[in-house]
Protein backbone atom coordinates (compact mmCIF):
# COMPACT_ATOMS: atom_id res chain seq x y z
CA MET A 1 -38.36 30.33 3.72
CA LYS A 2 -37.73 26.31 4.07
CA LEU A 3 -35.25 25.87 6.67
CA ALA A 4 -32.94 22.64 6.94
CA TRP A 5 -35.17 20.91 9.95
CA GLN A 6 -38.17 21.26 7.15
CA ASN A 7 -39.03 18.04 5.54
CA SER A 8 -36.94 16.43 7.82
CA ASP A 9 -37.58 14.47 11.16
CA VAL A 10 -35.78 16.64 13.39
CA LEU A 11 -38.88 18.31 15.02
CA ASP A 12 -39.75 14.33 15.71
CA MET A 13 -36.61 13.65 17.40
CA PRO A 14 -37.16 11.91 21.31
CA THR A 15 -35.48 14.69 23.80
CA LEU A 16 -33.36 13.57 26.64
CA GLY A 17 -32.99 14.58 30.19
CA THR A 18 -35.60 14.30 33.01
CA ARG A 19 -38.33 16.45 31.94
CA VAL A 20 -39.16 18.91 34.98
CA THR A 21 -43.13 18.99 35.63
CA ALA A 22 -42.95 21.93 37.83
CA PHE A 23 -44.13 24.51 35.30
CA ASP A 24 -46.81 22.20 33.36
CA GLY A 25 -50.03 24.35 33.34
CA LEU A 26 -49.00 27.87 33.38
CA THR A 27 -50.51 28.98 30.33
CA GLU A 28 -53.92 27.22 31.55
CA VAL A 29 -53.92 29.24 34.85
CA PRO A 30 -57.26 31.24 34.29
CA GLY A 31 -57.12 34.90 35.96
CA GLY A 32 -54.57 36.82 33.58
CA TYR A 33 -51.25 37.11 33.29
CA GLY A 34 -51.35 38.82 37.31
CA ALA A 35 -52.53 35.05 38.31
CA ARG A 36 -49.74 33.38 35.88
CA LEU A 37 -47.42 35.51 37.55
CA ALA A 38 -48.37 34.45 41.41
CA TRP A 39 -48.08 30.89 40.11
CA ALA A 40 -44.71 30.85 38.47
CA ARG A 41 -43.30 31.70 41.74
CA ASP A 42 -44.97 29.76 43.72
CA GLN A 43 -43.93 26.48 41.07
CA ALA A 44 -40.16 27.96 40.96
CA LYS A 45 -39.88 27.22 45.12
CA VAL A 46 -41.30 23.71 44.21
CA PHE A 47 -38.85 23.25 41.64
CA ARG A 48 -35.59 24.93 42.77
CA THR A 49 -35.93 22.29 45.96
CA GLU A 50 -35.97 19.74 43.68
CA PHE A 51 -33.51 21.03 41.31
CA ALA A 52 -30.65 21.53 44.23
CA ALA A 53 -31.12 17.78 45.63
CA THR A 54 -29.91 16.62 41.74
CA GLY A 55 -26.29 17.14 43.13
CA THR A 56 -23.58 19.57 41.35
CA PRO A 57 -21.29 19.77 37.82
CA ASP A 58 -17.89 19.43 37.96
CA SER A 59 -17.07 22.32 36.63
CA VAL A 60 -18.10 25.85 35.12
CA THR A 61 -16.10 28.09 33.75
CA THR A 62 -16.39 31.19 31.96
CA CYS A 63 -14.90 32.50 29.08
CA ASP A 64 -15.40 36.44 27.78
CA LEU A 65 -16.13 36.46 24.24
CA ILE A 66 -16.82 40.08 22.58
CA THR A 67 -17.79 43.16 24.73
CA LEU A 68 -19.77 45.94 21.98
CA PRO A 69 -21.87 48.42 21.79
CA TYR A 70 -25.83 47.78 22.93
CA PRO A 71 -28.72 50.14 22.74
CA THR A 72 -29.59 51.79 26.32
CA LYS A 73 -33.22 51.80 25.33
CA PHE A 74 -33.71 48.04 24.92
CA GLY A 75 -30.94 46.98 27.61
CA LEU A 76 -32.38 48.80 30.67
CA PHE A 77 -36.16 49.05 29.02
CA ARG A 78 -38.02 52.33 30.20
CA ALA A 79 -36.16 52.73 33.28
CA SER A 80 -32.73 54.30 32.60
CA ARG A 81 -32.54 58.22 32.55
CA ALA A 82 -28.80 58.05 31.51
CA ILE A 83 -28.27 60.32 28.58
CA ALA A 84 -25.76 57.66 26.78
CA PRO A 85 -28.00 56.14 24.02
CA PHE A 86 -25.92 53.21 23.98
CA LEU A 87 -24.58 51.04 26.32
CA SER A 88 -21.60 48.00 26.54
CA ILE A 89 -22.54 44.54 26.63
CA THR A 90 -20.17 41.66 27.52
CA ASN A 91 -20.65 38.43 25.43
CA ARG A 92 -19.66 35.36 27.57
CA MET A 93 -19.70 31.18 27.01
CA LEU A 94 -19.93 29.03 29.59
CA VAL A 95 -18.36 25.65 30.03
CA VAL A 96 -20.58 23.17 31.57
CA ARG A 97 -18.98 19.85 32.51
CA TRP A 98 -20.59 16.74 34.40
CA ALA A 99 -20.48 12.79 34.56
CA GLU A 100 -23.93 10.82 34.29
CA SER A 101 -24.69 8.07 36.38
CA ASP A 102 -22.85 5.55 33.71
CA GLY A 103 -19.66 7.56 34.02
CA ARG A 104 -19.94 9.33 30.81
CA LYS A 105 -18.41 12.71 30.95
CA ARG A 106 -20.72 15.81 29.03
CA VAL A 107 -19.26 19.22 27.75
CA LEU A 108 -22.19 21.63 27.47
CA LEU A 109 -21.05 24.91 25.79
CA PHE A 110 -23.42 28.12 26.62
CA GLU A 111 -24.23 30.88 24.57
CA PRO A 112 -20.68 29.83 22.28
CA SER A 113 -21.52 32.97 19.85
CA ASP A 114 -19.69 32.80 16.63
CA HIS A 115 -19.26 36.70 16.95
CA GLU A 116 -17.82 37.29 13.28
CA PRO A 117 -20.72 36.19 11.43
CA GLY A 118 -23.50 37.60 14.31
CA GLN A 119 -22.56 40.75 12.98
CA ASN A 120 -24.81 40.47 9.97
CA THR A 121 -27.58 40.19 12.24
CA PRO A 122 -30.22 42.91 10.33
CA TYR A 123 -29.89 45.41 13.26
CA PHE A 124 -26.47 45.12 14.00
CA ALA A 125 -25.60 45.30 10.09
CA ALA A 126 -26.91 48.57 10.10
CA LEU A 127 -25.41 49.89 12.91
CA ILE A 128 -22.53 49.07 11.71
CA ARG A 129 -23.21 51.02 8.73
CA ARG A 130 -23.69 54.00 10.38
CA THR A 131 -20.88 53.84 12.56
CA PRO A 132 -17.57 55.08 11.06
CA GLY A 133 -14.92 52.23 11.34
CA PRO A 134 -12.66 53.78 14.04
CA LEU A 135 -15.36 54.57 16.25
CA GLN A 136 -15.74 51.28 15.94
CA SER A 137 -12.68 49.72 16.93
CA LEU A 138 -12.91 52.05 20.15
CA LEU A 139 -16.22 50.58 21.04
CA THR A 140 -15.85 46.70 20.22
CA THR A 141 -13.24 44.63 22.16
CA GLU A 142 -12.66 41.01 21.47
CA HIS A 143 -11.99 39.25 24.36
CA GLY A 144 -11.63 35.38 22.67
CA THR A 145 -13.46 32.63 20.54
CA VAL A 146 -15.23 29.75 21.59
CA LEU A 147 -12.58 27.59 19.80
CA GLY A 148 -9.84 29.35 21.44
CA HIS A 149 -10.99 29.37 24.93
CA LEU A 150 -11.95 25.21 24.51
CA ALA A 151 -8.16 24.95 23.50
CA ARG A 152 -6.80 26.69 26.24
CA LEU A 153 -9.07 24.72 28.78
CA GLY A 154 -7.59 21.34 27.02
CA ILE A 155 -11.09 20.36 25.63
CA ARG A 156 -11.12 18.83 22.12
CA PRO A 157 -14.15 20.24 19.52
CA GLU A 158 -15.50 16.70 19.52
CA ASP A 159 -15.51 15.95 22.86
CA VAL A 160 -18.18 18.59 23.16
CA ASP A 161 -21.99 17.24 23.64
CA TYR A 162 -24.22 20.04 23.26
CA LEU A 163 -24.65 23.59 22.33
CA VAL A 164 -27.11 25.77 24.18
CA PHE A 165 -28.46 29.04 23.37
CA ASP A 166 -30.71 30.98 25.29
CA HIS A 167 -32.13 31.99 22.21
CA LEU A 168 -31.06 31.86 18.30
CA HIS A 169 -31.20 36.35 17.83
CA THR A 170 -27.79 37.10 15.82
CA GLN A 171 -27.12 33.37 16.20
CA ASP A 172 -25.05 31.69 12.99
CA LEU A 173 -24.31 28.13 13.74
CA ARG A 174 -22.86 27.30 10.14
CA ARG A 175 -19.28 27.24 10.87
CA TRP A 176 -20.33 25.16 14.38
CA VAL A 177 -22.76 22.40 13.09
CA GLY A 178 -21.46 22.55 9.59
CA THR A 179 -23.68 22.39 6.03
CA THR A 180 -25.39 20.04 3.44
CA GLY A 181 -24.61 22.32 0.92
CA PRO A 182 -21.95 24.78 -0.08
CA GLN A 183 -22.07 28.55 1.13
CA ARG A 184 -20.70 31.40 -1.12
CA ASP A 185 -19.70 33.15 1.77
CA LEU A 186 -18.06 30.35 3.95
CA GLY A 187 -16.17 29.12 0.42
CA GLY A 188 -17.82 25.90 0.22
CA THR A 189 -19.67 23.11 2.10
CA VAL A 190 -18.60 23.71 5.69
CA THR A 191 -17.26 20.70 7.74
CA PRO A 192 -18.77 21.01 11.32
CA ALA A 193 -16.30 22.52 13.90
CA PHE A 194 -17.94 20.61 17.04
CA PRO A 195 -19.18 17.47 15.10
CA ASN A 196 -20.55 15.26 17.69
CA ALA A 197 -22.46 18.42 18.93
CA LYS A 198 -26.37 18.59 19.52
CA VAL A 199 -27.70 22.26 19.79
CA ILE A 200 -30.63 21.87 22.37
CA VAL A 201 -33.27 24.49 21.45
CA GLN A 202 -36.46 24.53 22.07
CA ARG A 203 -39.18 23.63 19.41
CA HIS A 204 -41.15 26.29 19.35
CA GLU A 205 -37.97 28.89 18.53
CA LEU A 206 -37.23 26.30 15.26
CA LEU A 207 -41.08 26.25 14.17
CA ALA A 208 -41.06 29.90 14.80
CA MET A 209 -38.20 31.12 12.11
CA SER A 210 -39.81 29.45 9.37
CA GLN A 211 -41.95 32.14 8.85
CA LEU A 212 -40.69 35.32 10.79
CA HIS A 213 -42.79 37.81 12.85
CA PRO A 214 -41.93 41.64 11.49
CA LEU A 215 -40.98 42.12 15.49
CA GLN A 216 -38.92 39.13 14.83
CA ARG A 217 -36.78 39.89 11.74
CA PRO A 218 -34.36 42.68 12.87
CA TRP A 219 -32.67 39.73 15.28
CA TYR A 220 -32.17 36.42 13.22
CA GLN A 221 -30.53 35.44 10.36
CA PRO A 222 -33.12 32.48 8.70
CA GLU A 223 -31.22 32.21 5.37
CA THR A 224 -28.20 31.05 7.75
CA TYR A 225 -30.28 28.00 8.41
CA GLN A 226 -31.32 27.36 4.97
CA ASP A 227 -28.08 24.21 4.41
CA VAL A 228 -27.24 23.62 8.51
CA ARG A 229 -27.07 20.13 9.24
CA PRO A 230 -30.76 18.93 10.57
CA ASP A 231 -29.37 16.47 12.72
CA ALA A 232 -27.12 18.83 14.69
CA PHE A 233 -30.43 20.19 16.28
CA LEU A 234 -32.50 18.24 18.73
CA PRO A 235 -35.72 20.19 19.98
CA VAL A 236 -37.01 20.09 23.67
CA ASP A 237 -40.40 21.33 25.02
CA GLY A 238 -40.05 23.21 27.99
CA SER A 239 -37.78 22.37 30.99
CA LEU A 240 -35.38 19.60 31.84
CA ILE A 241 -32.73 18.54 34.30
CA LEU A 242 -29.57 17.28 32.29
CA GLY A 243 -26.87 16.12 34.61
CA PRO A 244 -26.43 16.47 38.37
CA GLY A 245 -27.16 20.73 38.99
CA VAL A 246 -27.63 21.17 35.28
CA ALA A 247 -30.88 22.61 33.99
CA VAL A 248 -32.64 24.15 31.26
CA VAL A 249 -36.17 25.82 32.16
CA GLU A 250 -38.48 27.26 29.45
CA THR A 251 -38.05 31.03 30.13
CA PRO A 252 -40.31 32.19 27.31
CA GLY A 253 -40.88 36.21 26.38
CA HIS A 254 -38.07 37.54 25.04
CA VAL A 255 -38.30 35.24 22.68
CA PHE A 256 -41.59 32.70 22.50
CA GLY A 257 -38.83 29.84 23.09
CA ASN A 258 -36.60 31.09 25.00
CA GLN A 259 -34.71 29.46 27.93
CA THR A 260 -32.39 29.70 30.78
CA ILE A 261 -29.62 27.71 32.06
CA VAL A 262 -29.73 26.59 35.81
CA LEU A 263 -26.67 25.59 37.74
CA ASN A 264 -26.52 24.53 41.24
CA THR A 265 -22.76 24.90 42.68
CA SER A 266 -20.34 25.29 45.36
CA THR A 267 -21.68 28.79 46.15
CA GLY A 268 -25.92 28.02 45.46
CA VAL A 269 -28.15 28.15 42.64
CA TRP A 270 -27.00 30.35 39.84
CA ALA A 271 -29.54 31.21 36.52
CA SER A 272 -27.96 32.83 33.49
CA SER A 273 -30.28 34.31 30.19
CA GLU A 274 -29.94 37.69 28.71
CA ASN A 275 -33.90 38.20 29.94
CA VAL A 276 -31.60 41.18 31.55
CA ILE A 277 -28.08 42.40 31.15
CA ALA A 278 -27.49 43.37 35.04
CA ALA A 279 -27.71 41.76 38.11
CA GLU A 280 -28.85 44.71 39.55
CA CYS A 281 -32.49 44.75 37.30
CA LEU A 282 -33.72 41.71 39.27
CA THR A 283 -32.78 43.93 42.51
CA PRO A 284 -33.61 47.43 41.09
CA GLU A 285 -34.17 49.24 44.53
CA HIS A 286 -30.47 49.01 44.83
CA SER A 287 -29.15 50.35 41.26
CA ARG A 288 -27.35 53.39 41.71
CA MET A 289 -27.30 53.70 38.01
CA PRO A 290 -29.82 57.15 37.02
CA GLY A 291 -33.24 56.23 36.24
CA ILE A 292 -33.45 52.74 37.59
CA ALA A 293 -34.27 52.83 41.19
CA ARG A 294 -37.09 55.19 41.25
CA TRP A 295 -38.97 53.85 37.70
CA ALA A 296 -38.96 50.75 39.37
CA ARG A 297 -40.59 52.46 42.95
CA THR A 298 -43.24 54.16 40.83
CA TRP A 299 -44.31 52.25 38.90
CA GLY A 300 -44.22 48.92 41.09
CA GLN A 301 -41.77 46.68 38.61
CA GLU A 302 -39.43 44.60 40.90
CA VAL A 303 -37.32 43.70 37.50
CA VAL A 304 -35.82 45.78 34.90
CA LEU A 305 -36.47 43.85 31.21
CA ASN A 306 -33.97 43.39 28.36
CA ALA A 307 -36.26 44.14 25.77
CA ASN A 308 -35.27 44.54 22.30
CA THR A 309 -37.86 42.49 20.71
CA ILE A 310 -41.02 43.16 22.62
CA GLU A 311 -42.46 39.47 21.87
CA THR A 312 -44.74 38.78 24.36
CA THR A 313 -43.76 41.38 27.46
CA ALA A 314 -45.56 40.43 30.41
CA ASP A 315 -44.30 36.47 29.61
CA GLN A 316 -40.85 38.02 30.19
CA TYR A 317 -41.40 39.38 32.95
CA ASN A 318 -42.69 36.10 34.81
CA SER A 319 -40.05 34.29 33.30
CA LEU A 320 -37.65 36.57 35.33
CA ILE A 321 -39.97 36.60 38.69
CA VAL A 322 -38.74 32.75 37.89
CA GLU A 323 -35.43 32.95 37.77
CA LYS A 324 -35.45 35.65 40.81
CA THR A 325 -36.60 32.74 42.78
CA LEU A 326 -34.78 30.05 41.76
CA VAL A 327 -31.17 31.30 42.36
CA ASP A 328 -28.96 32.25 45.57
CA ARG A 329 -27.92 36.02 46.59
CA SER A 330 -24.53 36.48 46.07
CA GLN A 331 -21.84 35.82 48.67
CA THR A 332 -19.82 39.23 47.68
CA ASP A 333 -22.87 41.02 48.16
CA PRO A 334 -26.23 39.90 49.28
CA ARG A 335 -28.07 42.84 47.68
CA PHE A 336 -27.75 41.51 44.18
CA LEU A 337 -29.06 37.72 43.17
CA GLN A 338 -27.09 35.20 41.68
CA PHE A 339 -28.21 35.74 38.14
CA PHE A 340 -25.53 36.02 35.46
CA PRO A 341 -26.41 37.75 32.70
CA SER A 342 -25.41 36.28 29.23
CA SER A 343 -24.39 39.60 28.14
CA GLU A 344 -23.80 41.83 30.86
CA LEU A 345 -23.63 45.04 31.31
CA THR A 346 -19.93 46.54 31.62
CA ALA A 347 -18.55 49.84 32.21
CA SER A 348 -17.53 52.27 29.28
CA TRP A 349 -16.10 55.52 29.44
CA ALA A 350 -18.11 56.31 26.01
CA ASN A 351 -21.96 55.70 28.05
CA PRO A 352 -22.31 58.21 30.71
CA GLY A 353 -24.92 56.84 33.49
CA THR A 354 -24.67 53.25 32.21
CA SER A 355 -21.72 51.85 34.92
CA PRO A 356 -23.36 49.23 36.82
CA THR A 357 -23.27 48.90 40.29
CA PHE A 358 -22.36 45.41 40.45
CA THR A 359 -21.54 42.86 38.31
CA HIS A 360 -20.10 39.05 38.33
CA LYS A 361 -18.25 38.90 35.28
CA GLU A 362 -17.87 34.99 35.76
CA ILE A 363 -19.60 31.85 37.51
CA ALA A 364 -16.53 29.66 38.76
CA HIS A 365 -17.46 26.21 39.81
CA SER A 366 -14.65 23.14 40.23
């Protein structure tokens, strides 16, 4: 399948920000995944010190988008003993604002999911077809839209500089970045909602989407990228500091081109991605959910993955240790870390055994 950025120079575009070198050489570490884990943990400590010295952004605001069902066997990979086949997760967007050294204001949206067309992702489309309509409405709650939240915050769409996703599973970006040709399902050529925004994405993921592996196909919508504006994408290689207290860190595993947003705030350092779905999955010894602490203790695992694709599981585990090392402890409950899942486990009466021990619900900084 030919995608928009093929036969264009988008993959050769210059990157932005300040390149992070702390994790250079990870794939060349001799001795296998265990040796890479130890190396990555040490390098995360190095980067944490460097990053904390960059300052803080002007503000971070959390916006709830949608709560929906998700298979327990994916979200609490191998560890859960809950009887519920599904749990609930809440997708949230972070709005991050900062000023450049020359005074220019920047606005970054992390995980601004357009959840309506996202339902066409093959896995979720098949799940929806098998679920009766009344049950769907009981299990799904829409909290707000990306554009609605921005209007409430007084941010004009044309003032948004960057769109960032930890990876492009389920994402249909046509309404956000526009198309170069008519779209039958959207009523014609799409005018971009965010005309000035660039999508920061790891180059690895853009390249992989043109020839997906069978393990990847249920989770992507590559056909929606055939006519998107190629100049809306800003491919990057590895980790970058984007502004004071704002970084994108490459965290491969969940997908090859996974990335994590790292933020330095008034409460310390936070990280956000979908590598896990609950803060307690980074300190499973403190989890009260059935099976989690026992599984971690039995198998000597210090994290519980969100593993719906299992592209490279050991890499994902190692990336989680990087995230775990970078962040501070919660000021609300120091047993848990300031890791904010971009899709956070949410208690639901319909899913016994999956109520989280602890939830963040938001990152707030101003």
